[in-house]
PDB file of N, CA and C in Angstrom:
ATOM      1  N   MET A   1      14.630 -37.992 106.063  1.00  0.00           N
ATOM      2  CA  MET A   1      14.899 -38.217 104.583  1.00  0.00           C
ATOM      3  C   MET A   1      14.966 -36.911 103.858  1.00  0.00           C
ATOM      4  N   LYS A   2      14.060 -36.032 103.956  1.00  0.00           N
ATOM      5  CA  LYS A   2      13.998 -34.757 103.285  1.00  0.00           C
ATOM      6  C   LYS A   2      15.116 -33.911 103.656  1.00  0.00           C
ATOM      7  N   HIS A   3      15.484 -33.947 104.997  1.00  0.00           N
ATOM      8  CA  HIS A   3      16.586 -33.226 105.484  1.00  0.00           C
ATOM      9  C   HIS A   3      17.975 -33.547 104.841  1.00  0.00           C
ATOM     10  N   SER A   4      18.145 -34.824 104.753  1.00  0.00           N
ATOM     11  CA  SER A   4      19.392 -35.294 104.084  1.00  0.00           C
ATOM     12  C   SER A   4      19.472 -35.002 102.663  1.00  0.00           C
ATOM     13  N   ARG A   5      18.305 -35.125 101.951  1.00  0.00           N
ATOM     14  CA  ARG A   5      18.263 -34.742 100.454  1.00  0.00           C
ATOM     15  C   ARG A   5      18.448 -33.336 100.319  1.00  0.00           C
ATOM     16  N   PHE A   6      17.852 -32.427 100.976  1.00  0.00           N
ATOM     17  CA  PHE A   6      18.097 -31.024 100.967  1.00  0.00           C
ATOM     18  C   PHE A   6      19.604 -30.698 101.225  1.00  0.00           C
ATOM     19  N   LEU A   7      20.269 -31.334 102.223  1.00  0.00           N
ATOM     20  CA  LEU A   7      21.601 -31.056 102.548  1.00  0.00           C
ATOM     21  C   LEU A   7      22.568 -31.630 101.366  1.00  0.00           C
ATOM     22  N   THR A   8      22.254 -32.728 100.771  1.00  0.00           N
ATOM     23  CA  THR A   8      22.998 -33.055  99.717  1.00  0.00           C
ATOM     24  C   THR A   8      22.857 -32.258  98.438  1.00  0.00           C
ATOM     25  N   ILE A   9      21.728 -31.822  98.182  1.00  0.00           N
ATOM     26  CA  ILE A   9      21.481 -30.820  97.045  1.00  0.00           C
ATOM     27  C   ILE A   9      22.179 -29.403  97.361  1.00  0.00           C
ATOM     28  N   PHE A  10      22.056 -29.064  98.568  1.00  0.00           N
ATOM     29  CA  PHE A  10      22.682 -27.812  99.018  1.00  0.00           C
ATOM     30  C   PHE A  10      24.235 -27.946  98.796  1.00  0.00           C
ATOM     31  N   ILE A  11      24.879 -28.963  99.365  1.00  0.00           N
ATOM     32  CA  ILE A  11      26.205 -28.960  99.188  1.00  0.00           C
ATOM     33  C   ILE A  11      26.730 -29.230  97.731  1.00  0.00           C
ATOM     34  N   THR A  12      25.975 -30.016  97.027  1.00  0.00           N
ATOM     35  CA  THR A  12      26.211 -30.204  95.648  1.00  0.00           C
ATOM     36  C   THR A  12      26.247 -28.915  94.889  1.00  0.00           C
ATOM     37  N   THR A  13      25.218 -28.156  95.057  1.00  0.00           N
ATOM     38  CA  THR A  13      25.190 -26.887  94.254  1.00  0.00           C
ATOM     39  C   THR A  13      26.260 -25.853  94.745  1.00  0.00           C
ATOM     40  N   HIS A  14      26.703 -25.915  96.035  1.00  0.00           N
ATOM     41  CA  HIS A  14      27.728 -25.181  96.515  1.00  0.00           C
ATOM     42  C   HIS A  14      29.052 -25.625  95.789  1.00  0.00           C
ATOM     43  N   VAL A  15      29.264 -26.800  95.766  1.00  0.00           N
ATOM     44  CA  VAL A  15      30.476 -27.283  95.131  1.00  0.00           C
ATOM     45  C   VAL A  15      30.578 -27.009  93.612  1.00  0.00           C
ATOM     46  N   LEU A  16      29.386 -27.102  93.011  1.00  0.00           N
ATOM     47  CA  LEU A  16      29.255 -26.598  91.513  1.00  0.00           C
ATOM     48  C   LEU A  16      29.581 -25.108  91.333  1.00  0.00           C
ATOM     49  N   PHE A  17      29.033 -24.394  92.252  1.00  0.00           N
ATOM     50  CA  PHE A  17      29.399 -22.954  92.271  1.00  0.00           C
ATOM     51  C   PHE A  17      30.854 -22.589  92.478  1.00  0.00           C
ATOM     52  N   ILE A  18      31.346 -23.397  93.384  1.00  0.00           N
ATOM     53  CA  ILE A  18      32.835 -23.181  93.606  1.00  0.00           C
ATOM     54  C   ILE A  18      33.660 -23.576  92.392  1.00  0.00           C
ATOM     55  N   LEU A  19      33.334 -24.701  91.701  1.00  0.00           N
ATOM     56  CA  LEU A  19      34.035 -25.164  90.497  1.00  0.00           C
ATOM     57  C   LEU A  19      33.748 -24.103  89.379  1.00  0.00           C
ATOM     58  N   LEU A  20      32.596 -23.500  89.280  1.00  0.00           N
ATOM     59  CA  LEU A  20      32.296 -22.562  88.229  1.00  0.00           C
ATOM     60  C   LEU A  20      33.215 -21.342  88.529  1.00  0.00           C
ATOM     61  N   GLN A  21      33.345 -20.835  89.690  1.00  0.00           N
ATOM     62  CA  GLN A  21      34.123 -19.745  90.057  1.00  0.00           C
ATOM     63  C   GLN A  21      35.626 -19.925  89.743  1.00  0.00           C
ATOM     64  N   ILE A  22      36.151 -21.209  90.079  1.00  0.00           N
ATOM     65  CA  ILE A  22      37.506 -21.650  89.663  1.00  0.00           C
ATOM     66  C   ILE A  22      37.645 -21.572  88.152  1.00  0.00           C
ATOM     67  N   HIS A  23      36.782 -22.046  87.421  1.00  0.00           N
ATOM     68  CA  HIS A  23      36.749 -22.117  85.940  1.00  0.00           C
ATOM     69  C   HIS A  23      36.747 -20.632  85.384  1.00  0.00           C
ATOM     70  N   LYS A  24      35.847 -19.886  86.044  1.00  0.00           N
ATOM     71  CA  LYS A  24      35.832 -18.402  85.620  1.00  0.00           C
ATOM     72  C   LYS A  24      37.157 -17.703  85.862  1.00  0.00           C
ATOM     73  N   HIS A  25      37.747 -17.941  87.035  1.00  0.00           N
ATOM     74  CA  HIS A  25      38.984 -17.380  87.197  1.00  0.00           C
ATOM     75  C   HIS A  25      40.135 -17.792  86.327  1.00  0.00           C
ATOM     76  N   THR A  26      40.208 -19.021  85.943  1.00  0.00           N
ATOM     77  CA  THR A  26      41.196 -19.540  85.149  1.00  0.00           C
ATOM     78  C   THR A  26      40.929 -19.061  83.599  1.00  0.00           C
ATOM     79  N   GLN A  27      39.690 -18.826  83.326  1.00  0.00           N
ATOM     80  CA  GLN A  27      39.440 -18.273  81.935  1.00  0.00           C
ATOM     81  C   GLN A  27      39.887 -16.755  81.870  1.00  0.00           C
ATOM     82  N   VAL A  28      39.669 -16.020  82.996  1.00  0.00           N
ATOM     83  CA  VAL A  28      40.042 -14.670  83.151  1.00  0.00           C
ATOM     84  C   VAL A  28      41.622 -14.564  82.989  1.00  0.00           C
ATOM     85  N   VAL A  29      42.354 -15.527  83.760  1.00  0.00           N
ATOM     86  CA  VAL A  29      43.688 -15.444  83.713  1.00  0.00           C
ATOM     87  C   VAL A  29      44.183 -15.779  82.317  1.00  0.00           C
ATOM     88  N   ARG A  30      43.635 -16.773  81.724  1.00  0.00           N
ATOM     89  CA  ARG A  30      44.030 -17.176  80.283  1.00  0.00           C
ATOM     90  C   ARG A  30      43.872 -15.926  79.365  1.00  0.00           C
ATOM     91  N   HIS A  31      42.751 -15.358  79.404  1.00  0.00           N
ATOM     92  CA  HIS A  31      42.504 -14.279  78.512  1.00  0.00           C
ATOM     93  C   HIS A  31      43.369 -13.073  78.826  1.00  0.00           C
ATOM     94  N   SER A  32      43.792 -12.817  79.962  1.00  0.00           N
ATOM     95  CA  SER A  32      44.717 -11.806  80.428  1.00  0.00           C
ATOM     96  C   SER A  32      46.164 -12.113  79.717  1.00  0.00           C
ATOM     97  N   TYR A  33      46.510 -13.310  79.794  1.00  0.00           N
ATOM     98  CA  TYR A  33      47.850 -13.664  79.221  1.00  0.00           C
ATOM     99  C   TYR A  33      47.754 -13.377  77.645  1.00  0.00           C
ATOM    100  N   LYS A  34      46.721 -13.870  77.038  1.00  0.00           N
ATOM    101  CA  LYS A  34      46.417 -13.691  75.610  1.00  0.00           C
ATOM    102  C   LYS A  34      46.398 -12.076  75.278  1.00  0.00           C
ATOM    103  N   LYS A  35      45.847 -11.414  76.052  1.00  0.00           N
ATOM    104  CA  LYS A  35      45.724  -9.925  75.801  1.00  0.00           C
ATOM    105  C   LYS A  35      47.106  -9.388  75.917  1.00  0.00           C
ATOM    106  N   GLN A  36      47.928  -9.686  76.876  1.00  0.00           N
ATOM    107  CA  GLN A  36      49.240  -9.251  76.990  1.00  0.00           C
ATOM    108  C   GLN A  36      50.095  -9.655  75.795  1.00  0.00           C
ATOM    109  N   GLU A  37      50.002 -10.979  75.301  1.00  0.00           N
ATOM    110  CA  GLU A  37      50.693 -11.356  74.083  1.00  0.00           C
ATOM    111  C   GLU A  37      50.316 -10.456  72.850  1.00  0.00           C
ATOM    112  N   PHE A  38      48.991 -10.241  72.724  1.00  0.00           N
ATOM    113  CA  PHE A  38      48.584  -9.392  71.623  1.00  0.00           C
ATOM    114  C   PHE A  38      49.087  -7.972  71.763  1.00  0.00           C
ATOM    115  N   GLU A  39      49.125  -7.423  72.964  1.00  0.00           N
ATOM    116  CA  GLU A  39      49.586  -6.127  73.171  1.00  0.00           C
ATOM    117  C   GLU A  39      51.168  -5.996  72.781  1.00  0.00           C
ATOM    118  N   GLN A  40      51.904  -7.060  73.146  1.00  0.00           N
ATOM    119  CA  GLN A  40      53.310  -7.129  72.649  1.00  0.00           C
ATOM    120  C   GLN A  40      53.509  -7.276  71.227  1.00  0.00           C
ATOM    121  N   GLN A  41      52.580  -7.962  70.637  1.00  0.00           N
ATOM    122  CA  GLN A  41      52.670  -8.210  69.113  1.00  0.00           C
ATOM    123  C   GLN A  41      52.247  -6.882  68.427  1.00  0.00           C
ATOM    124  N   LEU A  42      51.298  -6.158  68.969  1.00  0.00           N
ATOM    125  CA  LEU A  42      50.899  -4.821  68.484  1.00  0.00           C
ATOM    126  C   LEU A  42      52.042  -3.800  68.575  1.00  0.00           C
ATOM    127  N   ALA A  43      52.813  -3.813  69.748  1.00  0.00           N
ATOM    128  CA  ALA A  43      53.806  -2.938  69.939  1.00  0.00           C
ATOM    129  C   ALA A  43      54.953  -3.169  68.902  1.00  0.00           C
ATOM    130  N   MET A  44      55.204  -4.524  68.659  1.00  0.00           N
ATOM    131  CA  MET A  44      56.291  -4.916  67.741  1.00  0.00           C
ATOM    132  C   MET A  44      55.872  -4.582  66.315  1.00  0.00           C
ATOM    133  N   LEU A  45      54.638  -4.910  65.989  1.00  0.00           N
ATOM    134  CA  LEU A  45      54.094  -4.452  64.557  1.00  0.00           C
ATOM    135  C   LEU A  45      54.144  -2.991  64.394  1.00  0.00           C
ATOM    136  N   SER A  46      53.893  -2.210  65.499  1.00  0.00           N
ATOM    137  CA  SER A  46      53.924  -0.731  65.317  1.00  0.00           C
ATOM    138  C   SER A  46      55.247  -0.227  65.067  1.00  0.00           C
ATOM    139  N   GLU A  47      56.236  -0.779  65.751  1.00  0.00           N
ATOM    140  CA  GLU A  47      57.703  -0.363  65.531  1.00  0.00           C
ATOM    141  C   GLU A  47      58.039  -0.660  64.127  1.00  0.00           C
ATOM    142  N   LYS A  48      57.695  -1.938  63.635  1.00  0.00           N
ATOM    143  CA  LYS A  48      57.989  -2.332  62.291  1.00  0.00           C
ATOM    144  C   LYS A  48      57.401  -1.479  61.370  1.00  0.00           C
ATOM    145  N   LYS A  49      56.175  -1.105  61.533  1.00  0.00           N
ATOM    146  CA  LYS A  49      55.393  -0.193  60.563  1.00  0.00           C
ATOM    147  C   LYS A  49      56.155   1.155  60.504  1.00  0.00           C
ATOM    148  N   GLU A  50      56.656   1.724  61.595  1.00  0.00           N
ATOM    149  CA  GLU A  50      57.383   3.013  61.685  1.00  0.00           C
ATOM    150  C   GLU A  50      58.590   2.865  60.915  1.00  0.00           C
ATOM    151  N   LEU A  51      59.365   1.792  61.200  1.00  0.00           N
ATOM    152  CA  LEU A  51      60.573   1.478  60.437  1.00  0.00           C
ATOM    153  C   LEU A  51      60.434   1.437  58.935  1.00  0.00           C
ATOM    154  N   LEU A  52      59.454   0.599  58.493  1.00  0.00           N
ATOM    155  CA  LEU A  52      59.124   0.584  57.076  1.00  0.00           C
ATOM    156  C   LEU A  52      58.689   1.848  56.435  1.00  0.00           C
ATOM    157  N   THR A  53      57.943   2.720  57.232  1.00  0.00           N
ATOM    158  CA  THR A  53      57.386   3.930  56.736  1.00  0.00           C
ATOM    159  C   THR A  53      58.808   4.903  56.603  1.00  0.00           C
ATOM    160  N   HIS A  54      59.576   4.719  57.521  1.00  0.00           N
ATOM    161  CA  HIS A  54      60.716   5.633  57.517  1.00  0.00           C
ATOM    162  C   HIS A  54      61.589   5.110  56.258  1.00  0.00           C
ATOM    163  N   MET A  55      61.695   3.951  56.066  1.00  0.00           N
ATOM    164  CA  MET A  55      62.494   3.266  54.798  1.00  0.00           C
ATOM    165  C   MET A  55      61.806   3.878  53.515  1.00  0.00           C
ATOM    166  N   LEU A  56      60.502   3.735  53.462  1.00  0.00           N
ATOM    167  CA  LEU A  56      59.808   4.091  52.278  1.00  0.00           C
ATOM    168  C   LEU A  56      59.981   5.725  51.965  1.00  0.00           C
ATOM    169  N   CYS A  57      59.886   6.508  53.062  1.00  0.00           N
ATOM    170  CA  CYS A  57      60.292   7.903  52.931  1.00  0.00           C
ATOM    171  C   CYS A  57      61.661   8.246  52.370  1.00  0.00           C
ATOM    172  N   SER A  58      62.674   7.465  52.935  1.00  0.00           N
ATOM    173  CA  SER A  58      63.990   7.677  52.504  1.00  0.00           C
ATOM    174  C   SER A  58      64.176   7.114  51.085  1.00  0.00           C
ATOM    175  N   LEU A  59      63.563   6.164  50.678  1.00  0.00           N
ATOM    176  CA  LEU A  59      63.604   5.618  49.277  1.00  0.00           C
ATOM    177  C   LEU A  59      62.779   6.515  48.272  1.00  0.00           C
ATOM    178  N   LYS A  60      61.878   7.209  48.731  1.00  0.00           N
ATOM    179  CA  LYS A  60      61.194   8.164  47.828  1.00  0.00           C
ATOM    180  C   LYS A  60      61.889   9.497  47.601  1.00  0.00           C
ATOM    181  N   SER A  61      62.892   9.731  48.417  1.00  0.00           N
ATOM    182  CA  SER A  61      63.590  11.010  48.361  1.00  0.00           C
ATOM    183  C   SER A  61      64.176  11.104  46.993  1.00  0.00           C
ATOM    184  N   HIS A  62      64.388  12.438  46.579  1.00  0.00           N
ATOM    185  CA  HIS A  62      65.076  12.728  45.205  1.00  0.00           C
ATOM    186  C   HIS A  62      66.423  12.202  45.201  1.00  0.00           C
ATOM    187  N   GLU A  63      67.273  12.326  46.269  1.00  0.00           N
ATOM    188  CA  GLU A  63      68.613  11.954  46.221  1.00  0.00           C
ATOM    189  C   GLU A  63      68.653  10.413  46.081  1.00  0.00           C
ATOM    190  N   ALA A  64      67.770   9.657  46.737  1.00  0.00           N
ATOM    191  CA  ALA A  64      67.690   8.157  46.628  1.00  0.00           C
ATOM    192  C   ALA A  64      67.486   7.768  45.235  1.00  0.00           C
ATOM    193  N   VAL A  65      66.445   8.343  44.663  1.00  0.00           N
ATOM    194  CA  VAL A  65      66.038   7.973  43.206  1.00  0.00           C
ATOM    195  C   VAL A  65      67.150   8.412  42.321  1.00  0.00           C
ATOM    196  N   HIS A  66      67.735   9.547  42.510  1.00  0.00           N
ATOM    197  CA  HIS A  66      68.939   9.933  41.559  1.00  0.00           C
ATOM    198  C   HIS A  66      70.137   8.981  41.763  1.00  0.00           C
ATOM    199  N   ASP A  67      70.453   8.540  42.810  1.00  0.00           N
ATOM    200  CA  ASP A  67      71.629   7.630  43.094  1.00  0.00           C
ATOM    201  C   ASP A  67      71.177   6.199  42.502  1.00  0.00           C
ATOM    202  N   TRP A  68      69.945   5.908  42.704  1.00  0.00           N
ATOM    203  CA  TRP A  68      69.454   4.450  42.199  1.00  0.00           C
ATOM    204  C   TRP A  68      69.517   4.488  40.668  1.00  0.00           C
ATOM    205  N   ALA A  69      69.123   5.611  40.144  1.00  0.00           N
ATOM    206  CA  ALA A  69      69.127   5.699  38.589  1.00  0.00           C
ATOM    207  C   ALA A  69      70.451   5.631  37.972  1.00  0.00           C
ATOM    208  N   GLN A  70      71.482   6.308  38.751  1.00  0.00           N
ATOM    209  CA  GLN A  70      72.757   6.333  38.239  1.00  0.00           C
ATOM    210  C   GLN A  70      73.512   4.991  38.456  1.00  0.00           C
ATOM    211  N   ASN A  71      73.433   4.514  39.697  1.00  0.00           N
ATOM    212  CA  ASN A  71      74.249   3.267  40.077  1.00  0.00           C
ATOM    213  C   ASN A  71      73.584   1.988  39.686  1.00  0.00           C
ATOM    214  N   GLU A  72      72.296   1.830  39.783  1.00  0.00           N
ATOM    215  CA  GLU A  72      71.627   0.557  39.445  1.00  0.00           C
ATOM    216  C   GLU A  72      71.371   0.477  37.942  1.00  0.00           C
ATOM    217  N   LEU A  73      70.815   1.529  37.467  1.00  0.00           N
ATOM    218  CA  LEU A  73      70.291   1.518  35.997  1.00  0.00           C
ATOM    219  C   LEU A  73      71.409   2.033  35.069  1.00  0.00           C
ATOM    220  N   GLY A  74      72.428   2.651  35.612  1.00  0.00           N
ATOM    221  CA  GLY A  74      73.590   3.053  34.711  1.00  0.00           C
ATOM    222  C   GLY A  74      73.200   4.324  33.813  1.00  0.00           C
ATOM    223  N   MET A  75      72.343   5.196  34.318  1.00  0.00           N
ATOM    224  CA  MET A  75      71.915   6.288  33.624  1.00  0.00           C
ATOM    225  C   MET A  75      73.001   7.510  33.880  1.00  0.00           C
ATOM    226  N   PRO A  76      73.352   8.130  32.724  1.00  0.00           N
ATOM    227  CA  PRO A  76      74.351   9.208  32.990  1.00  0.00           C
ATOM    228  C   PRO A  76      73.692  10.419  33.527  1.00  0.00           C
ATOM    229  N   PRO A  77      74.433  11.360  34.242  1.00  0.00           N
ATOM    230  CA  PRO A  77      73.798  12.478  34.788  1.00  0.00           C
ATOM    231  C   PRO A  77      73.346  13.352  33.676  1.00  0.00           C
ATOM    232  N   ILE A  78      72.272  14.119  33.764  1.00  0.00           N
ATOM    233  CA  ILE A  78      71.592  14.985  32.846  1.00  0.00           C
ATOM    234  C   ILE A  78      72.446  16.248  32.834  1.00  0.00           C
ATOM    235  N   LYS A  79      72.608  16.854  31.697  1.00  0.00           N
ATOM    236  CA  LYS A  79      73.310  18.084  31.534  1.00  0.00           C
ATOM    237  C   LYS A  79      72.159  19.143  31.152  1.00  0.00           C
ATOM    238  N   LEU A  80      72.476  20.461  31.459  1.00  0.00           N
ATOM    239  CA  LEU A  80      71.555  21.451  31.263  1.00  0.00           C
ATOM    240  C   LEU A  80      71.159  21.603  29.853  1.00  0.00           C
ATOM    241  N   GLY A  81      72.188  21.326  28.908  1.00  0.00           N
ATOM    242  CA  GLY A  81      71.897  21.539  27.526  1.00  0.00           C
ATOM    243  C   GLY A  81      70.869  20.500  26.896  1.00  0.00           C
ATOM    244  N   GLN A  82      70.746  19.250  27.669  1.00  0.00           N
ATOM    245  CA  GLN A  82      69.891  18.410  27.190  1.00  0.00           C
ATOM    246  C   GLN A  82      68.285  18.624  27.539  1.00  0.00           C
ATOM    247  N   ILE A  83      68.058  19.557  28.291  1.00  0.00           N
ATOM    248  CA  ILE A  83      66.596  19.822  28.713  1.00  0.00           C
ATOM    249  C   ILE A  83      66.174  20.796  27.584  1.00  0.00           C
ATOM    250  N   LYS A  84      65.002  20.398  27.157  1.00  0.00           N
ATOM    251  CA  LYS A  84      64.275  21.152  26.121  1.00  0.00           C
ATOM    252  C   LYS A  84      63.056  21.928  26.651  1.00  0.00           C
ATOM    253  N   LYS A  85      63.004  23.016  26.395  1.00  0.00           N
ATOM    254  CA  LYS A  85      61.843  23.907  26.980  1.00  0.00           C
ATOM    255  C   LYS A  85      60.568  23.689  25.982  1.00  0.00           C
ATOM    256  N   ILE A  86      59.503  23.384  26.550  1.00  0.00           N
ATOM    257  CA  ILE A  86      58.302  23.338  25.771  1.00  0.00           C
ATOM    258  C   ILE A  86      57.386  24.429  26.111  1.00  0.00           C
ATOM    259  N   VAL A  87      57.049  25.133  24.993  1.00  0.00           N
ATOM    260  CA  VAL A  87      56.213  26.283  25.128  1.00  0.00           C
ATOM    261  C   VAL A  87      55.036  26.212  24.458  1.00  0.00           C
ATOM    262  N   ALA A  88      53.849  26.427  25.160  1.00  0.00           N
ATOM    263  CA  ALA A  88      52.506  26.286  24.604  1.00  0.00           C
ATOM    264  C   ALA A  88      52.184  27.482  23.737  1.00  0.00           C
ATOM    265  N   SER A  89      51.728  27.194  22.614  1.00  0.00           N
ATOM    266  CA  SER A  89      51.441  28.425  21.646  1.00  0.00           C
ATOM    267  C   SER A  89      49.948  28.558  21.493  1.00  0.00           C
TER     268      SER A  89
END
């Protein structure tokens, strides 16, 4: 009686350990795929950030601001005679 009970407990625990190993392995694979997805998303967002930074720098340039002011806002080009010199006394 004790021998069969021990054998039943022994086999049951081994089956449980095998099931736990399988569960652990599936969790590792699942998290590996998630990590891969996040790395791809990070690469895509880094490229987008670089593109937006480049666009921001080009829009901040003097030529872009000058063209925008003349084309979009309809400002006439400034002449040298319109500039006034301010002297501190």
